[in-house]
Amino acid sequence: MGSVNSFLTAEDYRQIEEETGFQKDEVRRLYSRYAHLDKRSKGFLEQQDLMLIPELASNPLGTRIIEAFFTDDKDPTVMLDALNFRQFVSVIARFRRVENPSRQLIQRKLEFIFRVFDTDRDGWVSEMDVRNILSAMFGLNLPESQLNAIVRRVMKADVDQDKRMSLDEFKQALGQVDLAEKISVNFLR
């Protein structure tokens, strides 16, 4: 796949640093991780490549998280077939640990979480989407009565009461949660 130095120009580094907040040495490490995941040296990653990340493979929401990686930023109803390095870094940047996250970084994390919850990829989070996520997380360990109570509580964020949450309603509901630390992953190991 080539070394990171031959793959990225000085301008590429500058743009990636500006877009993601990663420093040049971090970009190099991420490229090494990216190349390691690209076992067949295709030059891009597919969904099954990300299942090689142990934290995703063992996560009950791993498949949903990976699908969200491959959701088009411009049109969340469109799934990408593959991720190039720049797309990979852009998604990973949403999960970097930072002392004082910008409002933009928090918004990007919320948008990503929304994509995970939007299981049918229709641009809304419905009661069924919430049920699907909770079932994936807890399986049969959550009695139906508790599941229903949690779904009702989550759906209280549906301000206009149309039985589905828009991205704005979802952001409003989760905006009070400290996402900076709770939704962070160290991909630089």
C-alpha atoms as a PDB file:
ATOM      1  CA  MET A   1       0.000   0.000   0.000  1.00  0.00           C
ATOM      2  CA  GLY A   2       3.029   2.252   0.211  1.00  0.00           C
ATOM      3  CA  SER A   3       4.410   4.212   3.084  1.00  0.00           C
ATOM      4  CA  VAL A   4       2.425   7.013   4.629  1.00  0.00           C
ATOM      5  CA  ASN A   5       5.075   9.471   3.458  1.00  0.00           C
ATOM      6  CA  SER A   6       4.588   8.530  -0.206  1.00  0.00           C
ATOM      7  CA  PHE A   7       0.817   8.414   0.206  1.00  0.00           C
ATOM      8  CA  LEU A   8       0.279  11.828   1.809  1.00  0.00           C
ATOM      9  CA  THR A   9       1.656  15.152   0.666  1.00  0.00           C
ATOM     10  CA  ALA A  10       2.503  18.031   3.009  1.00  0.00           C
ATOM     11  CA  GLU A  11      -0.765  19.641   1.893  1.00  0.00           C
ATOM     12  CA  ASP A  12      -2.667  16.420   2.735  1.00  0.00           C
ATOM     13  CA  TYR A  13      -1.203  16.479   6.241  1.00  0.00           C
ATOM     14  CA  ARG A  14      -2.128  20.146   6.659  1.00  0.00           C
ATOM     15  CA  GLN A  15      -5.701  19.539   5.509  1.00  0.00           C
ATOM     16  CA  ILE A  16      -6.147  16.439   7.682  1.00  0.00           C
ATOM     17  CA  GLU A  17      -4.758  18.283  10.716  1.00  0.00           C
ATOM     18  CA  GLU A  18      -7.115  21.197  10.053  1.00  0.00           C
ATOM     19  CA  GLU A  19     -10.171  18.985   9.470  1.00  0.00           C
ATOM     20  CA  THR A  20      -9.596  16.517  12.302  1.00  0.00           C
ATOM     21  CA  GLY A  21      -7.282  18.020  14.904  1.00  0.00           C
ATOM     22  CA  PHE A  22      -4.868  15.105  14.585  1.00  0.00           C
ATOM     23  CA  GLN A  23      -1.167  15.961  14.527  1.00  0.00           C
ATOM     24  CA  LYS A  24       1.199  14.648  11.832  1.00  0.00           C
ATOM     25  CA  ASP A  25       2.553  11.819  14.019  1.00  0.00           C
ATOM     26  CA  GLU A  26      -1.013  10.780  14.894  1.00  0.00           C
ATOM     27  CA  VAL A  27      -1.942  10.739  11.191  1.00  0.00           C
ATOM     28  CA  ARG A  28       1.056   8.469  10.553  1.00  0.00           C
ATOM     29  CA  ARG A  29      -0.085   6.090  13.313  1.00  0.00           C
ATOM     30  CA  LEU A  30      -3.646   6.108  11.992  1.00  0.00           C
ATOM     31  CA  TYR A  31      -2.356   5.290   8.525  1.00  0.00           C
ATOM     32  CA  SER A  32      -0.436   2.379   9.985  1.00  0.00           C
ATOM     33  CA  ARG A  33      -3.650   1.154  11.661  1.00  0.00           C
ATOM     34  CA  TYR A  34      -5.568   1.689   8.404  1.00  0.00           C
ATOM     35  CA  ALA A  35      -2.970  -0.288   6.416  1.00  0.00           C
ATOM     36  CA  HIS A  36      -3.056  -3.065   9.024  1.00  0.00           C
ATOM     37  CA  LEU A  37      -6.844  -3.321   8.651  1.00  0.00           C
ATOM     38  CA  ASP A  38      -6.491  -3.439   4.854  1.00  0.00           C
ATOM     39  CA  LYS A  39      -5.284  -7.053   4.923  1.00  0.00           C
ATOM     40  CA  ARG A  40      -5.646  -7.549   1.162  1.00  0.00           C
ATOM     41  CA  SER A  41      -3.922  -4.230   0.267  1.00  0.00           C
ATOM     42  CA  LYS A  42      -6.931  -2.967  -1.679  1.00  0.00           C
ATOM     43  CA  GLY A  43      -6.274   0.688  -0.835  1.00  0.00           C
ATOM     44  CA  PHE A  44      -9.647   1.047   0.900  1.00  0.00           C
ATOM     45  CA  LEU A  45     -11.554  -0.500   3.780  1.00  0.00           C
ATOM     46  CA  GLU A  46     -14.814  -2.396   3.609  1.00  0.00           C
ATOM     47  CA  GLN A  47     -17.161  -3.100   6.504  1.00  0.00           C
ATOM     48  CA  GLN A  48     -15.693  -6.552   7.193  1.00  0.00           C
ATOM     49  CA  ASP A  49     -12.228  -4.977   7.562  1.00  0.00           C
ATOM     50  CA  LEU A  50     -13.429  -2.959  10.556  1.00  0.00           C
ATOM     51  CA  MET A  51     -14.605  -6.136  12.267  1.00  0.00           C
ATOM     52  CA  LEU A  52     -10.875  -6.771  12.828  1.00  0.00           C
ATOM     53  CA  ILE A  53     -10.942  -4.031  15.483  1.00  0.00           C
ATOM     54  CA  PRO A  54     -11.456  -6.042  18.696  1.00  0.00           C
ATOM     55  CA  GLU A  55     -13.429  -3.267  20.424  1.00  0.00           C
ATOM     56  CA  LEU A  56     -15.948  -3.273  17.570  1.00  0.00           C
ATOM     57  CA  ALA A  57     -16.025  -7.034  17.058  1.00  0.00           C
ATOM     58  CA  SER A  58     -16.917  -7.611  20.714  1.00  0.00           C
ATOM     59  CA  ASN A  59     -19.366  -4.704  21.011  1.00  0.00           C
ATOM     60  CA  PRO A  60     -23.058  -5.675  20.796  1.00  0.00           C
ATOM     61  CA  LEU A  61     -23.568  -2.566  18.649  1.00  0.00           C
ATOM     62  CA  GLY A  62     -20.411  -3.210  16.613  1.00  0.00           C
ATOM     63  CA  THR A  63     -22.271  -3.920  13.377  1.00  0.00           C
ATOM     64  CA  ARG A  64     -24.398  -0.760  13.751  1.00  0.00           C
ATOM     65  CA  ILE A  65     -21.325   1.323  14.554  1.00  0.00           C
ATOM     66  CA  ILE A  66     -19.515  -0.022  11.512  1.00  0.00           C
ATOM     67  CA  GLU A  67     -22.534   0.664   9.309  1.00  0.00           C
ATOM     68  CA  ALA A  68     -22.531   4.239  10.630  1.00  0.00           C
ATOM     69  CA  PHE A  69     -18.862   4.526   9.580  1.00  0.00           C
ATOM     70  CA  PHE A  70     -20.006   3.791   6.031  1.00  0.00           C
ATOM     71  CA  THR A  71     -22.898   6.247   5.975  1.00  0.00           C
ATOM     72  CA  ASP A  72     -22.447   9.132   3.551  1.00  0.00           C
ATOM     73  CA  ASP A  73     -21.948  12.429   5.423  1.00  0.00           C
ATOM     74  CA  LYS A  74     -23.938  14.362   2.829  1.00  0.00           C
ATOM     75  CA  ASP A  75     -26.852  11.902   2.620  1.00  0.00           C
ATOM     76  CA  PRO A  76     -27.239   9.616   5.671  1.00  0.00           C
ATOM     77  CA  THR A  77     -29.620   7.343   3.745  1.00  0.00           C
ATOM     78  CA  VAL A  78     -26.754   6.345   1.404  1.00  0.00           C
ATOM     79  CA  MET A  79     -24.259   3.654   2.350  1.00  0.00           C
ATOM     80  CA  LEU A  80     -20.682   3.788   1.053  1.00  0.00           C
ATOM     81  CA  ASP A  81     -19.115   0.589  -0.257  1.00  0.00           C
ATOM     82  CA  ALA A  82     -15.646   1.488   0.995  1.00  0.00           C
ATOM     83  CA  LEU A  83     -13.665   4.078   2.948  1.00  0.00           C
ATOM     84  CA  ASN A  84     -10.467   5.642   1.723  1.00  0.00           C
ATOM     85  CA  PHE A  85      -7.913   6.852   4.259  1.00  0.00           C
ATOM     86  CA  ARG A  86      -9.239  10.422   4.422  1.00  0.00           C
ATOM     87  CA  GLN A  87     -12.803   9.189   5.044  1.00  0.00           C
ATOM     88  CA  PHE A  88     -11.525   6.770   7.695  1.00  0.00           C
ATOM     89  CA  VAL A  89      -9.633   9.544   9.524  1.00  0.00           C
ATOM     90  CA  SER A  90     -12.642  11.845   9.301  1.00  0.00           C
ATOM     91  CA  VAL A  91     -14.846   9.293  11.086  1.00  0.00           C
ATOM     92  CA  ILE A  92     -12.167   8.396  13.642  1.00  0.00           C
ATOM     93  CA  ALA A  93     -11.709  12.090  14.469  1.00  0.00           C
ATOM     94  CA  ARG A  94     -15.201  12.151  15.960  1.00  0.00           C
ATOM     95  CA  PHE A  95     -14.002   9.861  18.717  1.00  0.00           C
ATOM     96  CA  ARG A  96     -10.694  11.413  19.674  1.00  0.00           C
ATOM     97  CA  ARG A  97     -10.239  12.383  23.278  1.00  0.00           C
ATOM     98  CA  VAL A  98      -9.801  16.104  23.732  1.00  0.00           C
ATOM     99  CA  GLU A  99      -9.691  18.267  26.857  1.00  0.00           C
ATOM    100  CA  ASN A 100     -12.139  20.932  25.704  1.00  0.00           C
ATOM    101  CA  PRO A 101     -14.069  19.609  22.713  1.00  0.00           C
ATOM    102  CA  SER A 102     -15.425  22.152  20.291  1.00  0.00           C
ATOM    103  CA  ARG A 103     -19.147  22.468  19.772  1.00  0.00           C
ATOM    104  CA  GLN A 104     -18.554  21.183  16.235  1.00  0.00           C
ATOM    105  CA  LEU A 105     -16.866  17.994  17.506  1.00  0.00           C
ATOM    106  CA  ILE A 106     -19.740  17.362  19.931  1.00  0.00           C
ATOM    107  CA  GLN A 107     -22.250  17.915  17.102  1.00  0.00           C
ATOM    108  CA  ARG A 108     -20.377  15.430  14.887  1.00  0.00           C
ATOM    109  CA  LYS A 109     -20.436  12.835  17.693  1.00  0.00           C
ATOM    110  CA  LEU A 110     -24.178  13.359  18.119  1.00  0.00           C
ATOM    111  CA  GLU A 111     -24.728  12.972  14.367  1.00  0.00           C
ATOM    112  CA  PHE A 112     -22.759   9.727  14.412  1.00  0.00           C
ATOM    113  CA  ILE A 113     -24.737   8.370  17.385  1.00  0.00           C
ATOM    114  CA  PHE A 114     -27.937   9.352  15.589  1.00  0.00           C
ATOM    115  CA  ARG A 115     -26.803   7.230  12.620  1.00  0.00           C
ATOM    116  CA  VAL A 116     -26.194   4.276  14.920  1.00  0.00           C
ATOM    117  CA  PHE A 117     -29.715   4.628  16.368  1.00  0.00           C
ATOM    118  CA  ASP A 118     -31.347   5.129  12.950  1.00  0.00           C
ATOM    119  CA  THR A 119     -31.385   1.387  12.253  1.00  0.00           C
ATOM    120  CA  ASP A 120     -33.565   1.618   9.141  1.00  0.00           C
ATOM    121  CA  ARG A 121     -31.555   4.594   7.758  1.00  0.00           C
ATOM    122  CA  ASP A 122     -34.635   6.696   7.025  1.00  0.00           C
ATOM    123  CA  GLY A 123     -33.220   9.855   8.621  1.00  0.00           C
ATOM    124  CA  TRP A 124     -35.328   9.530  11.792  1.00  0.00           C
ATOM    125  CA  VAL A 125     -35.083   7.645  15.090  1.00  0.00           C
ATOM    126  CA  SER A 126     -38.376   5.884  15.717  1.00  0.00           C
ATOM    127  CA  GLU A 127     -39.603   3.753  18.601  1.00  0.00           C
ATOM    128  CA  MET A 128     -38.659   0.676  16.571  1.00  0.00           C
ATOM    129  CA  ASP A 129     -35.127   2.019  16.057  1.00  0.00           C
ATOM    130  CA  VAL A 130     -34.757   2.518  19.824  1.00  0.00           C
ATOM    131  CA  ARG A 131     -36.132  -0.988  20.456  1.00  0.00           C
ATOM    132  CA  ASN A 132     -33.665  -2.464  17.963  1.00  0.00           C
ATOM    133  CA  ILE A 133     -30.716  -0.744  19.632  1.00  0.00           C
ATOM    134  CA  LEU A 134     -31.796  -1.723  23.144  1.00  0.00           C
ATOM    135  CA  SER A 135     -32.374  -5.313  22.033  1.00  0.00           C
ATOM    136  CA  ALA A 136     -28.897  -5.412  20.483  1.00  0.00           C
ATOM    137  CA  MET A 137     -27.407  -4.022  23.684  1.00  0.00           C
ATOM    138  CA  PHE A 138     -29.291  -6.139  26.225  1.00  0.00           C
ATOM    139  CA  GLY A 139     -30.708  -9.090  24.296  1.00  0.00           C
ATOM    140  CA  LEU A 140     -33.065 -11.193  26.358  1.00  0.00           C
ATOM    141  CA  ASN A 141     -31.678  -9.765  29.612  1.00  0.00           C
ATOM    142  CA  LEU A 142     -34.134  -6.863  29.512  1.00  0.00           C
ATOM    143  CA  PRO A 143     -37.751  -7.718  30.362  1.00  0.00           C
ATOM    144  CA  GLU A 144     -40.392  -6.349  27.966  1.00  0.00           C
ATOM    145  CA  SER A 145     -41.814  -4.041  30.640  1.00  0.00           C
ATOM    146  CA  GLN A 146     -38.407  -2.424  31.212  1.00  0.00           C
ATOM    147  CA  LEU A 147     -37.798  -2.199  27.476  1.00  0.00           C
ATOM    148  CA  ASN A 148     -41.121  -0.408  27.008  1.00  0.00           C
ATOM    149  CA  ALA A 149     -40.370   1.989  29.878  1.00  0.00           C
ATOM    150  CA  ILE A 150     -36.960   2.891  28.437  1.00  0.00           C
ATOM    151  CA  VAL A 151     -38.400   3.374  24.947  1.00  0.00           C
ATOM    152  CA  ARG A 152     -41.108   5.693  26.344  1.00  0.00           C
ATOM    153  CA  ARG A 153     -38.501   7.681  28.260  1.00  0.00           C
ATOM    154  CA  VAL A 154     -36.199   8.024  25.234  1.00  0.00           C
ATOM    155  CA  MET A 155     -39.086   8.993  22.985  1.00  0.00           C
ATOM    156  CA  LYS A 156     -39.989  11.891  25.278  1.00  0.00           C
ATOM    157  CA  ALA A 157     -37.369  13.727  23.232  1.00  0.00           C
ATOM    158  CA  ASP A 158     -39.863  13.597  20.347  1.00  0.00           C
ATOM    159  CA  VAL A 159     -40.968  17.182  20.981  1.00  0.00           C
ATOM    160  CA  ASP A 160     -43.405  17.417  18.065  1.00  0.00           C
ATOM    161  CA  GLN A 161     -44.864  13.994  19.012  1.00  0.00           C
ATOM    162  CA  ASP A 162     -44.773  12.569  15.500  1.00  0.00           C
ATOM    163  CA  LYS A 163     -43.502   9.232  16.891  1.00  0.00           C
ATOM    164  CA  ARG A 164     -39.998   9.759  15.539  1.00  0.00           C
ATOM    165  CA  MET A 165     -37.058  11.927  16.506  1.00  0.00           C
ATOM    166  CA  SER A 166     -35.393  14.240  14.067  1.00  0.00           C
ATOM    167  CA  LEU A 167     -31.677  14.833  14.278  1.00  0.00           C
ATOM    168  CA  ASP A 168     -32.373  18.145  16.040  1.00  0.00           C
ATOM    169  CA  GLU A 169     -34.631  16.486  18.644  1.00  0.00           C
ATOM    170  CA  PHE A 170     -32.022  13.774  19.164  1.00  0.00           C
ATOM    171  CA  LYS A 171     -29.253  16.359  19.601  1.00  0.00           C
ATOM    172  CA  GLN A 172     -31.391  18.300  22.067  1.00  0.00           C
ATOM    173  CA  ALA A 173     -32.045  15.163  24.109  1.00  0.00           C
ATOM    174  CA  LEU A 174     -28.407  14.065  24.224  1.00  0.00           C
ATOM    175  CA  GLY A 175     -26.937  17.559  24.326  1.00  0.00           C
ATOM    176  CA  GLN A 176     -26.961  17.443  28.126  1.00  0.00           C
ATOM    177  CA  VAL A 177     -24.812  14.297  28.227  1.00  0.00           C
ATOM    178  CA  ASP A 178     -21.046  14.725  28.558  1.00  0.00           C
ATOM    179  CA  LEU A 179     -20.142  13.068  25.279  1.00  0.00           C
ATOM    180  CA  ALA A 180     -16.541  14.239  25.205  1.00  0.00           C
ATOM    181  CA  GLU A 181     -15.379  11.450  27.492  1.00  0.00           C
ATOM    182  CA  LYS A 182     -18.206   8.919  27.145  1.00  0.00           C
ATOM    183  CA  ILE A 183     -17.972   8.624  23.361  1.00  0.00           C
ATOM    184  CA  SER A 184     -14.219   8.537  22.894  1.00  0.00           C
ATOM    185  CA  VAL A 185     -12.033   5.766  21.560  1.00  0.00           C
ATOM    186  CA  ASN A 186      -8.263   5.575  21.308  1.00  0.00           C
ATOM    187  CA  PHE A 187      -7.517   4.349  17.781  1.00  0.00           C
ATOM    188  CA  LEU A 188      -3.876   5.405  18.046  1.00  0.00           C
ATOM    189  CA  ARG A 189      -2.756   2.406  20.104  1.00  0.00           C
END
